[in-house]
Amino acid sequence: MKFERHIEYKPNKQIWRILITDDENVVIEKRDTSDKQVYFDNFDLVSKEKIFTDLQLEEKFWIGIEKIYKGIIFFHKYSKPDMPGHKEVIAYSIKSKDILWRNEEYSYLFIYDNKVYCFKQQFEGRTFYTLNYKTGELIDDLGNNAERVNTIYDQSREEEKYNDYIFPETSQPENEKGAGIIKELKSNLEILDEVEYTVFRNVLFASYHSKVFDNSMVNKFTAIDSQNGKELLNLTLTPNTESFMTDSFFVYKDFLFLLKGKEELDIYKIK
């Protein structure tokens, strides 16, 4: 296995979310917490072509992405600043680079079978609706039938495919050689907390923290062939950190995504 750096992404802002669309565009949410500004970038994963950069809507900070579905980004606002509740549905077309529709009455739940499931908060409970994902036009008034909506939601989750993704975990590897590699890492290095790892094509990918000084750690990534123990890649993700950097990598198809600190992303092509 070989690794070829494919994309080096340095937005000089904190990377909050990384989303990959059905047609393999990468959408990144980045935030400037000091100026309270949020921006969105989009580029083609394979060709590296930039689709848009520094996208902002009229709300500059209290906004986020619910879902990307068939080329449409569904944004939400927050019901109150610093509060987790979501409100409104804003549908933005990646292709035409404009807002297709918005609904200020409803809040987003999920998308299934070309319908946006949403709700309106009433004095007692919620009323549920479905909207056309392209136009925002009302399709169904589901009343307060939460049981029916939950059943459809469960069905949508079952049919949602994440087969192209591999995310790290911290439990003990079932693979005996993989477990041996992690044990050896822990014995040779002063590793703090858990090792995040996954196995891909018989190669163990691992992210770990080791002690540098009394109040400082380094976050490193390694790729080790589980058959012969050969180290194929060794990178420093965060050279000096006082907190644990979790979820610092994942695999999508033949691409390795590596977060370096909070403001850099390297994408490697796996060959």
Protein backbone atom coordinates (compact mmCIF):
# COMPACT_ATOMS: atom_id res chain seq x y z
CA MET A 1 0.00 0.00 0.00
CA LYS A 2 1.17 3.50 -0.89
CA PHE A 3 -0.07 6.94 0.08
CA GLU A 4 -0.07 9.92 -2.25
CA ARG A 5 -1.02 13.33 -0.89
CA HIS A 6 -3.96 14.38 -3.01
CA ILE A 7 -5.30 17.58 -1.41
CA GLU A 8 -3.81 19.91 1.20
CA TYR A 9 -6.52 22.12 2.64
CA LYS A 10 -5.62 25.03 4.91
CA PRO A 11 -8.56 27.40 5.41
CA ASN A 12 -7.00 29.34 8.34
CA LYS A 13 -10.27 28.82 10.18
CA GLN A 14 -11.53 26.02 12.39
CA ILE A 15 -12.84 23.00 10.47
CA TRP A 16 -16.13 21.99 12.05
CA ARG A 17 -17.64 19.49 9.63
CA ILE A 18 -16.62 17.49 6.58
CA LEU A 19 -19.42 16.15 4.36
CA ILE A 20 -19.18 14.16 1.12
CA THR A 21 -22.01 14.33 -1.39
CA ASP A 22 -23.38 11.53 -3.56
CA ASP A 23 -21.36 12.83 -6.52
CA GLU A 24 -18.18 13.06 -4.43
CA ASN A 25 -18.03 16.75 -3.72
CA VAL A 26 -16.48 17.61 -0.36
CA VAL A 27 -18.38 20.26 1.60
CA ILE A 28 -16.56 21.77 4.57
CA GLU A 29 -18.01 23.96 7.29
CA LYS A 30 -15.38 26.28 8.73
CA ARG A 31 -15.82 28.81 11.51
CA ASP A 32 -14.07 31.90 12.77
CA THR A 33 -15.18 31.87 16.39
CA SER A 34 -13.58 35.21 17.25
CA ASP A 35 -15.45 37.14 14.54
CA LYS A 36 -18.51 34.83 14.73
CA GLN A 37 -18.49 34.04 11.02
CA VAL A 38 -19.20 30.69 9.35
CA TYR A 39 -18.14 29.83 5.80
CA PHE A 40 -18.64 26.84 3.54
CA ASP A 41 -16.23 25.47 0.93
CA ASN A 42 -16.94 22.87 -1.72
CA PHE A 43 -14.53 21.05 -4.04
CA ASP A 44 -14.57 17.94 -6.21
CA LEU A 45 -12.78 15.15 -4.38
CA VAL A 46 -11.37 13.47 -7.50
CA SER A 47 -10.56 16.41 -9.81
CA LYS A 48 -9.84 18.88 -6.95
CA GLU A 49 -11.89 21.50 -8.80
CA LYS A 50 -13.27 24.24 -6.53
CA ILE A 51 -17.06 24.51 -6.68
CA PHE A 52 -17.41 27.42 -4.26
CA THR A 53 -15.30 29.05 -1.56
CA ASP A 54 -16.30 31.10 1.49
CA LEU A 55 -20.01 30.67 0.88
CA GLN A 56 -22.13 32.62 3.37
CA LEU A 57 -25.86 33.10 3.66
CA GLU A 58 -27.58 36.11 5.21
CA GLU A 59 -27.10 34.62 8.69
CA LYS A 60 -23.34 34.80 9.22
CA PHE A 61 -22.82 32.51 12.22
CA TRP A 62 -25.88 30.84 13.76
CA ILE A 63 -26.42 28.50 10.82
CA GLY A 64 -25.42 24.96 9.93
CA ILE A 65 -26.01 22.04 7.57
CA GLU A 66 -28.69 19.44 8.19
CA LYS A 67 -28.16 17.26 5.14
CA ILE A 68 -26.88 17.22 1.57
CA TYR A 69 -29.29 15.39 -0.72
CA LYS A 70 -29.12 15.06 -4.52
CA GLY A 71 -27.09 18.22 -5.01
CA ILE A 72 -29.00 20.35 -2.49
CA ILE A 73 -27.63 21.54 0.84
CA PHE A 74 -30.29 21.86 3.51
CA PHE A 75 -29.32 24.52 6.03
CA HIS A 76 -30.87 25.33 9.37
CA LYS A 77 -30.72 28.29 11.71
CA TYR A 78 -30.64 28.05 15.49
CA SER A 79 -33.74 28.81 17.52
CA LYS A 80 -31.60 30.84 19.93
CA PRO A 81 -27.89 31.71 19.87
CA ASP A 82 -25.81 29.19 21.82
CA MET A 83 -28.80 26.82 21.96
CA PRO A 84 -28.95 23.48 20.12
CA GLY A 85 -32.52 23.75 18.81
CA HIS A 86 -32.86 24.14 15.03
CA LYS A 87 -35.35 26.22 13.07
CA GLU A 88 -36.19 26.96 9.43
CA VAL A 89 -35.29 24.99 6.31
CA ILE A 90 -33.13 26.58 3.62
CA ALA A 91 -32.50 24.61 0.41
CA TYR A 92 -29.37 25.67 -1.50
CA SER A 93 -28.48 24.26 -4.93
CA ILE A 94 -24.81 23.39 -5.40
CA LYS A 95 -25.18 23.42 -9.18
CA SER A 96 -26.91 26.79 -9.57
CA LYS A 97 -25.28 28.28 -6.44
CA ASP A 98 -28.45 29.87 -5.16
CA ILE A 99 -31.28 29.29 -2.71
CA LEU A 100 -34.06 27.19 -4.25
CA TRP A 101 -36.55 27.70 -1.44
CA ARG A 102 -36.87 28.32 2.27
CA ASN A 103 -39.49 27.72 4.91
CA GLU A 104 -39.44 29.76 8.11
CA GLU A 105 -42.37 27.94 9.74
CA TYR A 106 -40.98 24.43 9.94
CA SER A 107 -37.92 22.71 11.38
CA TYR A 108 -36.06 19.93 9.58
CA LEU A 109 -36.24 16.29 10.70
CA PHE A 110 -34.88 14.10 7.88
CA ILE A 111 -35.16 13.35 4.14
CA TYR A 112 -36.54 10.17 2.68
CA ASP A 113 -37.84 9.23 -0.77
CA ASN A 114 -37.54 12.81 -2.12
CA LYS A 115 -39.52 14.24 0.79
CA VAL A 116 -38.28 16.59 3.50
CA TYR A 117 -39.86 15.55 6.80
CA CYS A 118 -40.25 18.52 9.11
CA PHE A 119 -42.34 19.74 12.01
CA LYS A 120 -43.97 22.80 13.46
CA GLN A 121 -43.77 23.23 17.19
CA GLN A 122 -47.19 23.75 18.71
CA PHE A 123 -48.13 24.75 22.26
CA GLU A 124 -48.62 21.06 22.99
CA GLY A 125 -46.48 18.74 20.88
CA ARG A 126 -45.49 18.85 17.24
CA THR A 127 -47.32 18.75 13.91
CA PHE A 128 -45.49 16.91 11.14
CA TYR A 129 -45.32 17.64 7.40
CA THR A 130 -43.51 16.54 4.27
CA LEU A 131 -42.23 18.94 1.60
CA ASN A 132 -41.01 18.45 -1.95
CA TYR A 133 -37.22 18.51 -1.63
CA LYS A 134 -36.79 20.50 -4.87
CA THR A 135 -39.52 23.12 -4.46
CA GLY A 136 -40.48 23.15 -0.78
CA GLU A 137 -44.15 22.66 -1.69
CA LEU A 138 -46.31 20.90 0.89
CA ILE A 139 -46.96 17.22 0.12
CA ASP A 140 -48.37 15.68 3.31
CA ASP A 141 -49.88 16.95 6.52
CA LEU A 142 -49.13 14.12 8.96
CA GLY A 143 -50.75 15.76 11.96
CA ASN A 144 -49.25 14.78 15.31
CA ASN A 145 -48.60 11.15 14.33
CA ALA A 146 -45.10 10.91 15.82
CA GLU A 147 -45.17 7.10 15.79
CA ARG A 148 -45.62 7.01 12.01
CA VAL A 149 -42.85 9.58 11.49
CA ASN A 150 -40.48 7.64 13.76
CA THR A 151 -41.16 4.45 11.80
CA ILE A 152 -40.33 6.17 8.51
CA TYR A 153 -37.23 7.69 10.09
CA ASP A 154 -36.02 4.26 11.22
CA GLN A 155 -36.60 2.93 7.71
CA SER A 156 -34.63 5.81 6.21
CA ARG A 157 -31.70 5.09 8.53
CA GLU A 158 -31.73 1.41 7.60
CA GLU A 159 -31.55 2.26 3.91
CA GLU A 160 -28.90 4.94 4.28
CA LYS A 161 -25.61 3.51 3.08
CA TYR A 162 -22.26 4.18 4.72
CA ASN A 163 -20.48 1.27 3.09
CA ASP A 164 -17.91 3.61 1.52
CA TYR A 165 -16.82 4.96 4.92
CA ILE A 166 -14.55 3.49 7.55
CA PHE A 167 -14.39 5.32 10.87
CA PRO A 168 -11.96 4.65 13.72
CA GLU A 169 -12.88 3.00 16.99
CA THR A 170 -11.19 2.44 20.33
CA SER A 171 -12.21 -1.11 21.25
CA GLN A 172 -9.68 -3.92 21.16
CA PRO A 173 -9.10 -5.17 17.57
CA GLU A 174 -10.48 -8.63 16.83
CA ASN A 175 -7.57 -9.16 14.45
CA GLU A 176 -4.81 -10.73 16.52
CA LYS A 177 -2.02 -9.02 14.59
CA GLY A 178 -3.77 -5.67 14.82
CA ALA A 179 -4.12 -6.10 18.57
CA GLY A 180 -0.43 -6.95 18.77
CA ILE A 181 0.54 -3.80 16.90
CA ILE A 182 -1.47 -1.59 19.25
CA LYS A 183 0.03 -3.39 22.25
CA GLU A 184 3.51 -2.77 20.87
CA LEU A 185 2.74 0.91 20.26
CA LYS A 186 1.60 1.28 23.85
CA SER A 187 4.68 -0.49 25.19
CA ASN A 188 7.17 1.57 23.14
CA LEU A 189 5.55 4.98 23.52
CA GLU A 190 4.11 6.83 26.46
CA ILE A 191 0.63 6.80 24.98
CA LEU A 192 -2.07 8.66 26.87
CA ASP A 193 -5.75 7.66 26.68
CA GLU A 194 -7.07 5.31 23.98
CA VAL A 195 -5.68 4.56 20.53
CA GLU A 196 -8.17 5.29 17.74
CA TYR A 197 -7.72 2.77 14.96
CA THR A 198 -9.21 0.98 11.99
CA VAL A 199 -7.99 -1.76 9.66
CA PHE A 200 -8.13 -1.23 5.90
CA ARG A 201 -6.76 -3.78 3.44
CA ASN A 202 -4.75 -5.46 6.19
CA VAL A 203 -3.16 -2.15 7.17
CA LEU A 204 -3.79 -0.76 10.64
CA PHE A 205 -4.45 3.00 10.74
CA ALA A 206 -4.03 4.50 14.20
CA SER A 207 -4.15 7.91 15.86
CA TYR A 208 -2.68 8.31 19.33
CA HIS A 209 -1.39 10.88 21.82
CA SER A 210 1.96 10.66 23.51
CA LYS A 211 3.44 12.81 26.22
CA VAL A 212 5.91 15.55 25.27
CA PHE A 213 6.12 17.70 28.37
CA ASP A 214 4.21 17.69 31.66
CA ASN A 215 1.28 19.64 30.21
CA SER A 216 1.65 18.89 26.52
CA MET A 217 1.00 16.03 24.10
CA VAL A 218 1.65 15.27 20.46
CA ASN A 219 -1.08 13.68 18.31
CA LYS A 220 0.36 11.29 15.74
CA PHE A 221 -0.96 9.05 12.98
CA THR A 222 0.59 5.84 11.77
CA ALA A 223 -0.22 3.22 9.15
CA ILE A 224 1.32 -0.21 9.79
CA ASP A 225 1.10 -3.34 7.63
CA SER A 226 -0.50 -5.92 9.92
CA GLN A 227 1.11 -8.77 7.96
CA ASN A 228 4.76 -7.80 8.34
CA GLY A 229 4.71 -4.94 10.87
CA LYS A 230 6.20 -2.44 8.41
CA GLU A 231 5.31 1.19 9.05
CA LEU A 232 3.99 2.74 5.83
CA LEU A 233 3.14 6.23 7.06
CA ASN A 234 4.02 8.25 10.14
CA LEU A 235 2.70 11.79 10.51
CA THR A 236 2.38 14.37 13.23
CA LEU A 237 -1.19 15.66 13.25
CA THR A 238 -0.92 18.11 16.14
CA PRO A 239 2.59 18.81 17.47
CA ASN A 240 1.61 20.49 20.71
CA THR A 241 -1.79 20.11 22.33
CA GLU A 242 -3.13 20.11 25.87
CA SER A 243 -6.39 18.36 24.93
CA PHE A 244 -7.12 15.08 23.17
CA MET A 245 -7.79 15.43 19.43
CA THR A 246 -10.38 12.76 18.66
CA ASP A 247 -11.94 11.70 15.32
CA SER A 248 -8.82 12.90 13.54
CA PHE A 249 -9.10 10.55 10.54
CA PHE A 250 -11.45 8.45 8.45
CA VAL A 251 -11.39 6.55 5.16
CA TYR A 252 -13.74 7.18 2.26
CA LYS A 253 -13.37 4.68 -0.59
CA ASP A 254 -9.68 5.00 -1.57
CA PHE A 255 -9.09 8.28 0.24
CA LEU A 256 -7.65 8.86 3.70
CA PHE A 257 -8.84 12.05 5.41
CA LEU A 258 -6.48 13.38 8.09
CA LEU A 259 -7.29 16.35 10.33
CA LYS A 260 -4.17 18.17 11.47
CA GLY A 261 -5.16 20.16 14.51
CA LYS A 262 -8.33 22.18 13.99
CA GLU A 263 -7.39 24.14 10.88
CA GLU A 264 -5.82 21.74 8.37
CA LEU A 265 -7.02 18.76 6.36
CA ASP A 266 -4.83 16.46 4.30
CA ILE A 267 -6.43 13.96 1.92
CA TYR A 268 -4.31 11.07 0.71
CA LYS A 269 -5.00 8.79 -2.21
CA ILE A 270 -4.50 5.17 -1.15
CA LYS A 271 -2.87 3.03 -3.82
